[in-house]
Protein backbone atom coordinates (compact mmCIF):
# COMPACT_ATOMS: atom_id res chain seq x y z
CA UNK A 1 9.97 25.23 17.39
CA UNK A 2 11.33 22.58 15.05
CA UNK A 3 10.86 19.85 17.64
CA UNK A 4 7.15 20.63 17.75
CA UNK A 5 6.88 19.94 14.00
CA UNK A 6 9.05 16.82 14.28
CA UNK A 7 6.60 15.33 16.79
CA UNK A 8 3.75 15.57 14.29
CA UNK A 9 2.53 12.26 12.82
CA UNK A 10 2.97 10.71 9.41
CA UNK A 11 -0.35 10.09 7.62
CA UNK A 12 -0.77 6.88 5.63
CA UNK A 13 -3.84 5.86 3.61
CA UNK A 14 -5.21 3.14 1.37
CA UNK A 15 -8.56 2.13 -0.11
CA UNK A 16 -8.78 -0.41 2.70
CA UNK A 17 -6.49 -2.53 4.85
CA UNK A 18 -3.79 -3.25 2.24
CA UNK A 19 -1.69 -0.25 3.18
CA UNK A 20 -1.08 -1.88 6.57
CA UNK A 21 1.67 -3.85 4.77
CA UNK A 22 3.38 -0.50 4.14
CA UNK A 23 2.57 0.77 7.65
CA UNK A 24 4.30 -2.29 9.15
CA UNK A 25 7.50 -1.51 7.24
CA UNK A 26 7.30 2.17 8.24
CA UNK A 27 6.85 1.16 11.88
CA UNK A 28 9.89 -1.12 11.60
CA UNK A 29 12.07 1.52 9.89
CA UNK A 30 10.93 4.52 11.96
CA UNK A 31 9.99 3.31 15.45
CA UNK A 32 9.89 6.83 16.95
CA UNK A 33 7.38 8.25 14.45
CA UNK A 34 3.72 8.74 15.30
CA UNK A 35 1.58 7.14 12.59
CA UNK A 36 -2.00 7.80 11.46
CA UNK A 37 -3.63 5.28 9.15
CA UNK A 38 -6.84 5.74 7.16
CA UNK A 39 -8.59 2.74 5.61
CA UNK A 40 -11.14 4.12 3.13
CA UNK A 41 -13.06 0.86 3.54
CA UNK A 42 -16.46 2.36 2.77
CA UNK A 43 -15.22 2.76 -0.82
CA UNK A 44 -12.84 -0.22 -1.23
CA UNK A 45 -11.74 -1.54 -3.58
CA UNK A 46 -10.60 1.43 -5.68
CA UNK A 47 -9.62 -0.81 -8.60
CA UNK A 48 -13.00 -0.58 -10.32
CA UNK A 49 -13.86 3.04 -9.44
CA UNK A 50 -13.77 6.06 -11.78
CA UNK A 51 -10.54 8.09 -11.76
CA UNK A 52 -12.28 11.29 -10.69
CA UNK A 53 -13.83 9.53 -7.70
CA UNK A 54 -10.46 8.09 -6.58
CA UNK A 55 -8.89 11.54 -6.94
CA UNK A 56 -11.66 13.14 -4.85
CA UNK A 57 -11.28 10.51 -2.11
CA UNK A 58 -7.49 10.91 -2.09
CA UNK A 59 -7.80 14.68 -1.68
CA UNK A 60 -10.45 14.36 1.04
CA UNK A 61 -8.37 11.84 3.02
CA UNK A 62 -5.20 13.94 2.65
CA UNK A 63 -7.14 16.95 3.98
CA UNK A 64 -8.40 14.84 6.89
CA UNK A 65 -4.85 13.71 7.73
CA UNK A 66 -3.54 17.29 7.51
CA UNK A 67 -6.34 18.36 9.87
CA UNK A 68 -4.92 15.73 12.29
CA UNK A 69 -1.51 17.47 12.01
CA UNK A 70 0.17 15.11 9.52
CA UNK A 71 3.66 16.34 8.50
CA UNK A 72 3.92 13.95 5.52
CA UNK A 73 1.58 11.68 3.57
CA UNK A 74 2.21 8.15 2.31
CA UNK A 75 -0.19 7.03 -0.43
CA UNK A 76 -0.09 3.32 0.45
CA UNK A 77 -2.24 2.34 -2.52
CA UNK A 78 -1.01 1.65 -6.05
CA UNK A 79 -4.34 2.58 -7.62
CA UNK A 80 -4.53 5.95 -5.84
CA UNK A 81 -0.87 6.59 -6.73
CA UNK A 82 -1.51 5.95 -10.42
CA UNK A 83 -4.60 8.14 -10.51
CA UNK A 84 -4.17 10.88 -7.91
CA UNK A 85 -0.60 11.46 -6.77
CA UNK A 86 0.15 14.19 -9.34
CA UNK A 87 -2.86 16.25 -8.26
CA UNK A 88 -2.06 15.68 -4.55
CA UNK A 89 1.47 17.00 -5.09
CA UNK A 90 0.14 19.98 -7.05
CA UNK A 91 -2.32 20.83 -4.29
CA UNK A 92 -0.38 20.15 -1.06
CA UNK A 93 3.11 21.30 -0.12
CA UNK A 94 4.02 18.66 2.48
CA UNK A 95 6.12 15.60 1.44
CA UNK A 96 3.96 13.02 -0.37
CA UNK A 97 5.45 9.56 -0.79
CA UNK A 98 3.75 7.15 -3.15
CA UNK A 99 3.91 3.55 -4.29
CA UNK A 100 6.16 2.45 -7.10
CA UNK A 101 5.55 -1.06 -8.45
CA UNK A 102 8.88 -2.85 -7.91
CA UNK A 103 9.61 -3.44 -11.60
CA UNK A 104 13.15 -2.05 -11.47
CA UNK A 105 14.38 -4.40 -8.68
CA UNK A 106 12.57 -7.28 -10.38
CA UNK A 107 14.48 -6.61 -13.62
CA UNK A 108 17.73 -6.58 -11.64
CA UNK A 109 16.73 -9.84 -9.91
CA UNK A 110 15.46 -12.02 -12.75
CA UNK A 111 17.67 -14.74 -14.25
CA UNK A 112 15.04 -16.20 -16.56
CA UNK A 113 14.16 -12.79 -18.03
CA UNK A 114 10.46 -13.32 -17.26
CA UNK A 115 8.68 -11.29 -14.58
CA UNK A 116 5.09 -11.57 -13.43
CA UNK A 117 3.31 -8.50 -12.06
CA UNK A 118 0.17 -9.01 -9.97
CA UNK A 119 -1.93 -5.84 -9.65
CA UNK A 120 -5.41 -4.41 -10.04
CA UNK A 121 -6.55 -3.72 -13.59
CA UNK A 122 -6.59 0.01 -12.77
CA UNK A 123 -2.93 0.00 -11.72
CA UNK A 124 -1.89 -1.94 -14.81
CA UNK A 125 -3.61 0.56 -17.11
CA UNK A 126 -2.19 3.66 -15.33
CA UNK A 127 0.32 5.99 -17.01
CA UNK A 128 2.66 5.39 -14.10
CA UNK A 129 2.79 1.71 -14.88
CA UNK A 130 2.98 2.14 -18.65
CA UNK A 131 6.04 4.36 -18.15
CA UNK A 132 7.72 1.75 -15.95
CA UNK A 133 6.90 -0.94 -18.47
CA UNK A 134 8.39 1.10 -21.31
CA UNK A 135 11.46 2.01 -19.27
CA UNK A 136 12.37 -1.49 -18.05
CA UNK A 137 10.52 -3.86 -20.35
CA UNK A 138 12.94 -3.81 -23.29
CA UNK A 139 15.23 -6.64 -22.18
CA UNK A 140 12.83 -8.74 -20.14
CA UNK A 141 9.36 -10.15 -20.60
CA UNK A 142 6.92 -8.52 -18.16
CA UNK A 143 3.66 -10.44 -17.84
CA UNK A 144 0.92 -8.32 -16.32
CA UNK A 145 -1.88 -10.07 -14.46
CA UNK A 146 -5.00 -8.34 -13.18
CA UNK A 147 -6.29 -10.06 -10.04
CA UNK A 148 -9.99 -9.31 -9.49
CA UNK A 149 -11.23 -10.56 -6.13
CA UNK A 150 -7.91 -10.68 -4.27
CA UNK A 151 -8.34 -7.30 -2.58
CA UNK A 152 -11.76 -8.43 -1.34
CA UNK A 153 -10.24 -11.61 0.17
CA UNK A 154 -7.70 -9.55 2.12
CA UNK A 155 -10.36 -7.02 3.17
CA UNK A 156 -12.26 -9.97 4.66
CA UNK A 157 -9.13 -11.22 6.44
CA UNK A 158 -9.34 -14.37 4.33
CA UNK A 159 -5.63 -15.03 3.75
CA UNK A 160 -5.27 -18.83 3.65
CA UNK A 161 -8.62 -20.26 2.51
CA UNK A 162 -9.19 -22.62 -0.40
CA UNK A 163 -10.98 -19.81 -2.31
CA UNK A 164 -8.00 -17.49 -1.95
CA UNK A 165 -5.62 -20.27 -2.99
CA UNK A 166 -7.70 -21.03 -6.11
CA UNK A 167 -7.68 -17.36 -7.15
CA UNK A 168 -3.91 -17.13 -6.66
CA UNK A 169 -3.28 -20.38 -8.55
CA UNK A 170 -5.28 -19.02 -11.47
CA UNK A 171 -3.51 -15.63 -11.47
CA UNK A 172 0.00 -17.06 -11.05
CA UNK A 173 -0.38 -19.81 -13.66
CA UNK A 174 0.27 -17.71 -16.81
CA UNK A 175 3.53 -16.21 -15.50
CA UNK A 176 4.78 -19.45 -13.95
CA UNK A 177 4.02 -21.45 -17.09
CA UNK A 178 6.13 -18.94 -19.08
CA UNK A 179 9.09 -19.44 -16.72
CA UNK A 180 8.78 -16.34 -14.53
CA UNK A 181 11.29 -16.45 -11.68
CA UNK A 182 10.24 -13.13 -10.12
CA UNK A 183 6.75 -12.02 -9.06
CA UNK A 184 6.07 -8.35 -8.28
CA UNK A 185 3.31 -7.55 -5.80
CA UNK A 186 1.75 -4.49 -7.44
CA UNK A 187 -0.96 -3.90 -4.83
CA UNK A 188 -0.44 -3.17 -1.13
CA UNK A 189 -3.01 -5.83 -0.19
CA UNK A 190 -0.98 -8.64 -1.75
CA UNK A 191 1.93 -8.88 0.74
CA UNK A 192 -0.61 -10.34 3.17
CA UNK A 193 -0.91 -13.24 0.70
CA UNK A 194 2.87 -13.63 0.33
CA UNK A 195 3.06 -16.92 2.26
CA UNK A 196 0.47 -18.49 -0.03
CA UNK A 197 2.02 -16.96 -3.16
CA UNK A 198 5.45 -18.36 -2.24
CA UNK A 199 3.91 -21.75 -1.53
CA UNK A 200 2.22 -21.86 -4.95
CA UNK A 201 5.16 -20.38 -6.88
CA UNK A 202 7.77 -22.62 -5.26
CA UNK A 203 11.24 -22.00 -3.82
CA UNK A 204 12.88 -20.86 -7.08
CA UNK A 205 10.62 -17.83 -7.53
CA UNK A 206 11.33 -14.51 -5.78
CA UNK A 207 8.33 -12.52 -4.57
CA UNK A 208 9.05 -8.78 -4.40
CA UNK A 209 7.15 -6.50 -2.03
CA UNK A 210 7.85 -2.76 -2.51
CA UNK A 211 6.90 -1.80 1.07
CA UNK A 212 10.45 -1.73 2.56
CA UNK A 213 11.55 0.61 -0.26
CA UNK A 214 8.63 2.96 0.48
CA UNK A 215 9.62 3.07 4.17
CA UNK A 216 13.22 3.92 3.18
CA UNK A 217 11.99 6.66 0.85
CA UNK A 218 9.81 8.13 3.65
CA UNK A 219 12.83 8.17 5.97
CA UNK A 220 14.93 9.90 3.28
CA UNK A 221 12.26 12.53 2.58
CA UNK A 222 11.66 13.28 6.29
CA UNK A 223 15.40 13.50 6.87
CA UNK A 224 15.87 15.90 3.93
CA UNK A 225 13.07 18.14 5.25
CA UNK A 226 14.38 17.97 8.86
CA UNK A 227 11.09 16.38 9.90
CA UNK A 228 12.30 13.13 11.51
CA UNK A 229 10.98 12.57 15.01
CA UNK A 230 13.50 13.38 17.75
CA UNK A 231 11.55 11.45 20.39
CA UNK A 232 13.42 8.76 22.31
CA UNK A 233 10.38 6.57 22.98
CA UNK A 234 8.21 4.61 20.55
CA UNK A 235 5.62 6.46 18.49
CA UNK A 236 1.87 5.80 18.63
CA UNK A 237 -0.36 4.28 15.93
CA UNK A 238 -3.89 5.55 15.28
CA UNK A 239 -6.33 3.88 12.90
CA UNK A 240 -9.28 5.55 11.16
CA UNK A 241 -11.86 4.40 8.64
CA UNK A 242 -14.64 5.80 6.48
CA UNK A 243 -16.63 2.63 7.26
CA UNK A 244 -18.23 1.60 10.57
CA UNK A 245 -15.17 0.92 12.77
CA UNK A 246 -16.51 -2.39 14.07
CA UNK A 247 -16.67 -3.65 10.47
CA UNK A 248 -12.91 -3.27 9.99
CA UNK A 249 -11.49 -3.42 13.52
CA UNK A 250 -11.13 -7.21 13.60
CA UNK A 251 -9.40 -7.40 10.20
CA UNK A 252 -7.03 -4.52 11.02
CA UNK A 253 -6.22 -6.18 14.36
CA UNK A 254 -5.62 -9.50 12.56
CA UNK A 255 -3.27 -7.96 9.97
CA UNK A 256 -1.52 -5.66 12.47
CA UNK A 257 -1.10 -8.70 14.75
CA UNK A 258 -2.35 -6.95 17.86
CA UNK A 259 -5.73 -5.60 18.98
CA UNK A 260 -6.27 -2.02 17.86
CA UNK A 261 -8.97 0.61 18.20
CA UNK A 262 -10.32 1.96 14.93
CA UNK A 263 -11.98 5.37 14.85
CA UNK A 264 -14.62 6.70 12.49
CA UNK A 265 -13.55 9.62 10.28
CA UNK A 266 -17.14 10.80 10.25
CA UNK A 267 -17.39 11.71 13.94
CA UNK A 268 -14.03 13.42 14.19
CA UNK A 269 -12.52 10.84 16.45
CA UNK A 270 -15.23 9.75 18.86
CA UNK A 271 -15.38 6.02 18.44
CA UNK A 272 -18.77 4.70 17.46
CA UNK A 273 -20.15 2.53 20.22
């Protein structure tokens, strides 16, 4: 019987396409797992939404993924983690893995003692983040930068344009001018801008993406619960959205680096034609 459970997929969700940065690392770390991804693109970005709304969406998407047989859930969204992960864990018994802004590794990494954190304003004001800040911020200077507009650029697949560069230059300037040598990507959309961020920040600045750590944590949790896939062949990927699939299919295919089909959550899996 156990093997039947092990074959069940892992459910991953985000407000939009940002969580694909986490999904890529999960795919790399756990090639045999079947993966379901939900982009809640009809409601992206979450950064400006009310907490109750984000919590309701997170619960609804988790229920959707469980209805598709998910054996574990990865909340691949810093905003949803900050707002909703406690109530998800209280409500559902399956393993729930959530984002942790990579402040701890950044503190270990910095030589200059100055760290820049790029995130949405909602993530920066969350209890989760305040706790991290209080725990690790004593010996280093942590400069928090809200980045309105960046999520929208990634949602549009606009990774290298002049507009995106200008936004990043503006958001990186305060930390870089204070001598930051480490930049934390505190939103799952931002790793898709890593090339541009590294270009602007220069070779002496480390850019830290928490996604590999999340994939390792998922592996650990599945292993502890005896839920790792025992399949010998590669797992499948399925993509769902709350938006019209054709609106997000091209961007998901661009970021995933291969053409994918995206299904509508609304019609239970029949693709909208």
